[in-house]
Protein backbone atom coordinates (compact mmCIF):
# COMPACT_ATOMS: atom_id res chain seq x y z
CA MET A 1 55.05 78.86 -244.04
CA PHE A 2 57.45 76.07 -244.34
CA GLU A 3 59.53 76.04 -247.57
CA ILE A 4 60.66 72.99 -249.22
CA THR A 5 64.71 73.33 -249.91
CA SER A 6 65.10 70.05 -251.76
CA LYS A 7 63.24 67.05 -252.79
CA GLU A 8 64.48 63.54 -254.02
CA LYS A 9 62.37 60.06 -255.14
CA ILE A 10 63.92 57.49 -253.18
CA ALA A 11 61.81 54.39 -254.23
CA THR A 12 58.44 53.81 -256.07
CA LYS A 13 56.10 56.69 -254.66
CA GLU A 14 58.59 57.15 -251.86
CA TYR A 15 59.84 60.66 -251.35
CA GLU A 16 62.72 62.78 -249.40
CA ILE A 17 61.98 66.30 -248.59
CA TRP A 18 64.19 68.87 -246.33
CA VAL A 19 62.02 71.69 -245.06
CA LYS A 20 62.74 75.06 -243.53
CA ALA A 21 61.67 74.64 -239.96
CA PRO A 22 64.42 76.41 -237.77
CA LYS A 23 62.29 76.19 -233.96
CA VAL A 24 61.39 72.47 -235.15
CA ALA A 25 65.12 71.55 -235.83
CA SER A 26 66.51 73.22 -233.08
CA HIS A 27 64.45 70.95 -230.47
CA ALA A 28 64.18 67.85 -232.50
CA LYS A 29 65.38 64.40 -230.61
CA PRO A 30 65.52 60.96 -232.18
CA GLY A 31 62.15 59.25 -232.16
CA GLN A 32 60.01 62.62 -232.28
CA PHE A 33 57.65 63.76 -235.03
CA VAL A 34 55.65 66.34 -236.54
CA VAL A 35 52.06 66.83 -237.77
CA ILE A 36 51.75 68.85 -241.07
CA ARG A 37 49.11 70.13 -243.40
CA THR A 38 49.92 71.04 -247.08
CA SER A 39 46.89 73.48 -247.19
CA PRO A 40 44.93 75.46 -244.83
CA ASN A 41 41.83 73.30 -245.51
CA GLY A 42 43.97 70.11 -245.65
CA GLU A 43 44.29 67.18 -243.05
CA ARG A 44 46.75 66.90 -240.37
CA ILE A 45 49.02 63.85 -240.50
CA PRO A 46 52.15 62.93 -238.62
CA LEU A 47 55.40 62.48 -240.07
CA THR A 48 58.41 61.31 -238.30
CA ILE A 49 61.55 63.41 -238.20
CA ALA A 50 63.87 61.55 -240.43
CA ASP A 51 67.06 63.88 -239.58
CA PHE A 52 67.58 67.49 -238.58
CA ASN A 53 70.12 70.19 -239.29
CA THR A 54 70.05 72.84 -236.72
CA GLU A 55 72.65 75.11 -238.71
CA LYS A 56 70.17 75.48 -241.80
CA GLY A 57 67.38 75.02 -239.67
CA GLU A 58 65.72 72.31 -241.59
CA ILE A 59 64.13 68.97 -241.15
CA ARG A 60 64.20 65.90 -243.29
CA LEU A 61 60.67 64.21 -244.06
CA ILE A 62 60.58 60.89 -245.87
CA PHE A 63 56.81 59.79 -246.92
CA GLN A 64 55.20 57.21 -249.21
CA ALA A 65 52.33 58.34 -251.41
CA VAL A 66 49.32 56.18 -250.14
CA GLY A 67 46.58 58.85 -249.57
CA LYS A 68 45.35 62.32 -250.69
CA THR A 69 47.50 64.12 -248.50
CA THR A 70 50.91 62.34 -249.12
CA TYR A 71 50.09 62.16 -252.85
CA GLU A 72 49.66 66.22 -252.91
CA MET A 73 53.22 66.26 -251.12
CA ALA A 74 54.76 64.21 -253.62
CA THR A 75 53.53 66.74 -256.59
CA MET A 76 55.36 69.50 -254.51
CA LYS A 77 58.27 71.08 -255.69
CA VAL A 78 61.50 72.56 -254.32
CA GLY A 79 60.39 76.27 -253.35
CA ASP A 80 56.59 75.29 -252.48
CA SER A 81 55.83 75.25 -248.90
CA LEU A 82 53.77 73.33 -246.42
CA GLN A 83 50.89 75.23 -244.67
CA ASP A 84 52.25 74.32 -241.06
CA ILE A 85 54.19 72.09 -238.98
CA ALA A 86 53.65 71.30 -235.17
CA GLY A 87 56.78 69.78 -233.40
CA PRO A 88 58.70 68.22 -232.32
CA LEU A 89 56.14 66.13 -230.80
CA GLY A 90 56.06 62.87 -228.82
CA ARG A 91 58.53 61.50 -226.05
CA PRO A 92 62.03 60.98 -227.56
CA SER A 93 63.59 57.45 -227.81
CA GLU A 94 65.46 56.52 -224.66
CA ILE A 95 69.28 56.51 -225.66
CA LYS A 96 71.59 55.26 -223.39
CA LYS A 97 74.16 52.37 -223.76
CA TYR A 98 72.24 49.28 -223.77
CA GLY A 99 75.22 47.04 -225.09
CA THR A 100 74.22 45.40 -228.17
CA VAL A 101 71.06 46.92 -229.99
CA MET A 102 69.17 45.35 -232.87
CA MET A 103 67.47 47.96 -234.89
CA ILE A 104 64.54 46.54 -237.35
CA GLY A 105 63.13 48.60 -239.80
CA GLY A 106 60.55 48.19 -243.07
CA GLY A 107 59.25 50.52 -245.61
CA VAL A 108 59.51 54.05 -244.61
CA GLY A 109 59.85 53.05 -240.97
CA ILE A 110 63.55 52.97 -242.04
CA ALA A 111 63.36 56.47 -242.05
CA ALA A 112 62.49 56.62 -238.50
CA ILE A 113 65.07 53.79 -237.42
CA LEU A 114 67.84 56.07 -238.95
CA PRO A 115 68.20 58.81 -236.33
CA ILE A 116 67.67 56.31 -233.36
CA LEU A 117 70.44 54.21 -234.87
CA LYS A 118 72.76 57.14 -234.93
CA ALA A 119 72.25 58.03 -231.60
CA LEU A 120 72.67 54.66 -230.18
CA LYS A 121 75.77 54.20 -231.78
CA ASP A 122 76.93 57.41 -230.61
CA ALA A 123 76.08 56.41 -227.04
CA GLY A 124 78.47 53.28 -227.36
CA ASN A 125 76.17 50.47 -228.40
CA LYS A 126 77.11 47.68 -230.89
CA VAL A 127 74.35 48.22 -233.53
CA ILE A 128 73.06 45.56 -235.67
CA THR A 129 70.13 46.66 -238.10
CA ILE A 130 67.94 44.51 -240.31
CA LEU A 131 66.15 46.35 -242.99
CA GLY A 132 63.14 44.78 -244.87
CA GLY A 133 61.20 45.17 -248.08
CA ARG A 134 58.90 43.46 -250.40
CA SER A 135 62.09 43.97 -253.19
CA ALA A 136 65.18 45.47 -253.39
CA ASP A 137 63.96 48.88 -254.80
CA LEU A 138 61.76 49.23 -251.51
CA VAL A 139 64.83 49.11 -249.10
CA ILE A 140 65.41 52.80 -248.44
CA LEU A 141 68.38 54.34 -246.66
CA LYS A 142 70.63 51.29 -247.03
CA ASP A 143 73.87 52.94 -247.56
CA GLU A 144 73.02 55.41 -244.43
CA CYS A 145 71.87 52.67 -242.00
CA GLU A 146 74.81 50.56 -242.96
CA ARG A 147 77.58 53.65 -242.01
CA PHE A 148 76.29 53.73 -238.79
CA SER A 149 75.86 49.97 -237.73
CA ASP A 150 78.38 47.34 -236.94
CA GLU A 151 76.22 44.92 -239.17
CA LEU A 152 73.53 45.34 -241.35
CA LEU A 153 71.47 42.41 -242.59
CA VAL A 154 68.56 42.99 -245.53
CA THR A 155 65.64 40.54 -245.97
CA THR A 156 63.44 40.91 -249.06
CA ASP A 157 59.97 39.13 -249.90
CA ASP A 158 61.32 38.12 -252.95
CA GLY A 159 65.05 37.44 -252.49
CA SER A 160 66.23 40.38 -254.74
CA MET A 161 68.64 41.54 -252.27
CA GLY A 162 70.04 39.88 -249.23
CA MET A 163 68.11 37.07 -247.49
CA LYS A 164 64.79 35.96 -249.06
CA GLY A 165 62.28 36.08 -246.08
CA VAL A 166 61.14 38.73 -243.79
CA VAL A 167 62.88 40.69 -240.81
CA THR A 168 61.65 38.13 -238.26
CA ASP A 169 63.88 35.74 -240.30
CA GLY A 170 66.66 37.80 -239.82
CA MET A 171 66.10 38.34 -235.77
CA LYS A 172 66.22 34.53 -235.52
CA GLU A 173 69.32 34.24 -237.59
CA VAL A 174 71.27 36.79 -235.38
CA VAL A 175 70.35 35.13 -232.26
CA LYS A 176 70.63 31.63 -233.59
CA ARG A 177 74.55 32.36 -234.22
CA GLY A 178 74.74 33.34 -230.45
CA GLU A 179 74.57 37.12 -230.54
CA LYS A 180 73.11 38.66 -227.08
CA ILE A 181 70.32 41.44 -227.66
CA ASP A 182 70.17 43.79 -224.69
CA GLN A 183 67.28 46.02 -226.45
CA ALA A 184 65.49 46.14 -229.83
CA TRP A 185 63.66 48.79 -231.74
CA SER A 186 61.26 47.83 -234.83
CA ILE A 187 59.54 50.50 -237.04
CA GLY A 188 57.61 50.19 -239.95
CA PRO A 189 54.03 48.68 -240.90
CA THR A 190 51.91 47.61 -238.11
CA VAL A 191 51.87 44.20 -239.31
CA MET A 192 55.96 43.97 -239.22
CA MET A 193 56.33 45.69 -236.03
CA LYS A 194 53.40 43.01 -234.50
CA PHE A 195 55.30 39.75 -235.63
CA SER A 196 58.78 41.56 -234.44
CA ALA A 197 57.29 41.84 -231.04
CA TYR A 198 55.94 38.17 -230.94
CA THR A 199 59.09 36.99 -232.47
CA ALA A 200 61.36 39.36 -229.73
CA LYS A 201 59.39 37.74 -226.87
CA GLU A 202 60.13 34.58 -228.20
CA LEU A 203 63.82 35.22 -228.19
CA GLY A 204 63.78 37.16 -224.97
CA ILE A 205 64.57 40.56 -226.17
CA PRO A 206 62.95 43.63 -225.17
CA ILE A 207 61.60 45.77 -227.88
CA PHE A 208 60.36 49.12 -228.48
CA VAL A 209 58.02 49.72 -231.29
CA SER A 210 56.90 53.21 -232.71
CA LEU A 211 53.17 53.15 -233.17
CA ASN A 212 51.43 54.89 -236.21
CA PRO A 213 47.66 55.48 -235.12
CA ILE A 214 45.10 57.96 -236.55
CA MET A 215 46.23 61.12 -235.44
CA VAL A 216 44.64 64.90 -235.56
CA ASP A 217 45.96 67.52 -232.94
CA GLY A 218 49.18 65.67 -231.65
CA THR A 219 48.79 66.91 -228.21
CA GLY A 220 46.58 64.37 -226.45
CA MET A 221 43.46 66.34 -226.47
CA CYS A 222 41.33 64.49 -229.37
CA GLY A 223 41.88 61.16 -228.32
CA ALA A 224 42.04 59.86 -232.14
CA CYS A 225 45.34 58.17 -231.57
CA ARG A 226 44.57 55.98 -228.37
CA VAL A 227 46.11 52.64 -228.04
CA THR A 228 45.75 49.75 -225.22
CA VAL A 229 49.06 49.04 -223.80
CA GLY A 230 48.90 46.35 -221.34
CA LYS A 231 45.67 47.26 -219.24
CA ASN A 232 45.91 50.73 -220.18
CA ILE A 233 44.48 53.37 -222.47
CA ARG A 234 47.73 55.65 -224.05
CA PHE A 235 47.67 58.42 -226.59
CA ALA A 236 50.56 57.79 -228.83
CA CYS A 237 51.01 61.34 -229.57
CA VAL A 238 52.25 62.10 -226.07
CA ASP A 239 52.76 58.79 -224.41
CA GLY A 240 54.62 57.57 -227.27
CA PRO A 241 54.89 57.17 -229.73
CA GLU A 242 57.29 54.20 -228.41
CA PHE A 243 55.98 51.50 -226.59
CA ASP A 244 56.84 48.18 -224.91
CA GLY A 245 56.17 46.00 -227.91
CA TYR A 246 55.29 42.97 -225.76
CA GLU A 247 52.17 45.12 -224.08
CA VAL A 248 50.72 46.83 -227.40
CA ASN A 249 47.13 45.37 -227.98
CA TRP A 250 47.97 44.89 -232.12
CA ASP A 251 44.72 43.40 -233.02
CA GLU A 252 42.72 46.64 -231.66
CA LEU A 253 45.30 48.57 -233.38
CA MET A 254 45.03 47.31 -236.68
CA ASN A 255 41.27 47.52 -236.69
CA ARG A 256 41.39 51.24 -235.87
CA LEU A 257 43.74 51.94 -238.53
CA ARG A 258 41.08 50.56 -240.74
CA GLN A 259 38.11 52.44 -239.49
CA TYR A 260 38.32 55.02 -242.17
CA LYS A 261 39.61 53.12 -245.14
CA ASP A 262 36.53 53.74 -247.42
CA GLN A 263 36.64 57.48 -246.45
CA GLU A 264 40.43 57.61 -247.35
CA LYS A 265 39.94 55.82 -250.46
CA ILE A 266 37.18 58.31 -251.73
CA SER A 267 39.21 61.15 -250.84
CA LEU A 268 42.15 59.87 -253.07
CA GLU A 269 39.96 59.41 -255.49
CA ASN A 270 38.35 62.67 -255.69
CA TYR A 271 41.89 64.19 -255.22
CA ILE A 272 43.36 62.35 -258.48
CA ALA A 273 39.91 63.15 -260.73
CA LYS A 274 40.68 66.87 -259.54
CA VAL A 275 44.28 67.05 -260.63
CA GLY A 276 44.77 64.37 -263.29
CA ASP A 277 46.80 61.62 -264.03
CA LEU A 278 49.48 60.66 -261.04
CA SER A 279 51.04 57.33 -262.48
CA TRP A 280 54.21 58.96 -262.78
CA LEU A 281 54.90 59.20 -258.97
């Protein structure tokens, strides 16, 4: 069992927990993820490792309550335990000195950007970070990202923080003023990564994206997380989760993410009917 040692609500329906997982913490690298279950009969869901503490043997997970399992996690308290955690899984990010890197994060994807950003800064890169959200209250981890960035830009749909617009507007603004970007990362909602990749290609910037397809076992056996990259089928769990953003078949990926939308809605409705009102989340 994997005990929750701390929990904090960081935005509307978004939570941060630290969990005891010594073996995972001792092997984790930026860009990797875990697959968790909350109970013996629970579904398996992937979550990015947002941070890890090898001395305490803990990992940091940040999630948004959007489906049955994440709603259930949001109701758990310090001292409760997750049923199991498998990981670290996936290929780590390619950390080296590129020169100037652009880090683009949106929503809970900001949690995935943070450890990569820190490692790239430690490797001697100039780091320009762009964070996006619908509104100011949904731009998470801003202070932490700013601490490890040479420059931080924020975009919000409603203009309540930073530039009014979306992350691609921030990308164009950085390049417009003459900044040469040697490598970019974009992690967040799939539609955000799609248009970040399109914009990066227009601007001549190589870009990695971290894909979040439906995943079951996390070891390449089930094939649920297959994605088309270039002309090849890849499994996000073992070949990724990071891929060249230029090469991803975004329309196929987005269609696959909608595949079980009706079933996911029914599962969440059944859970809420069982436990009662969860509007406080």
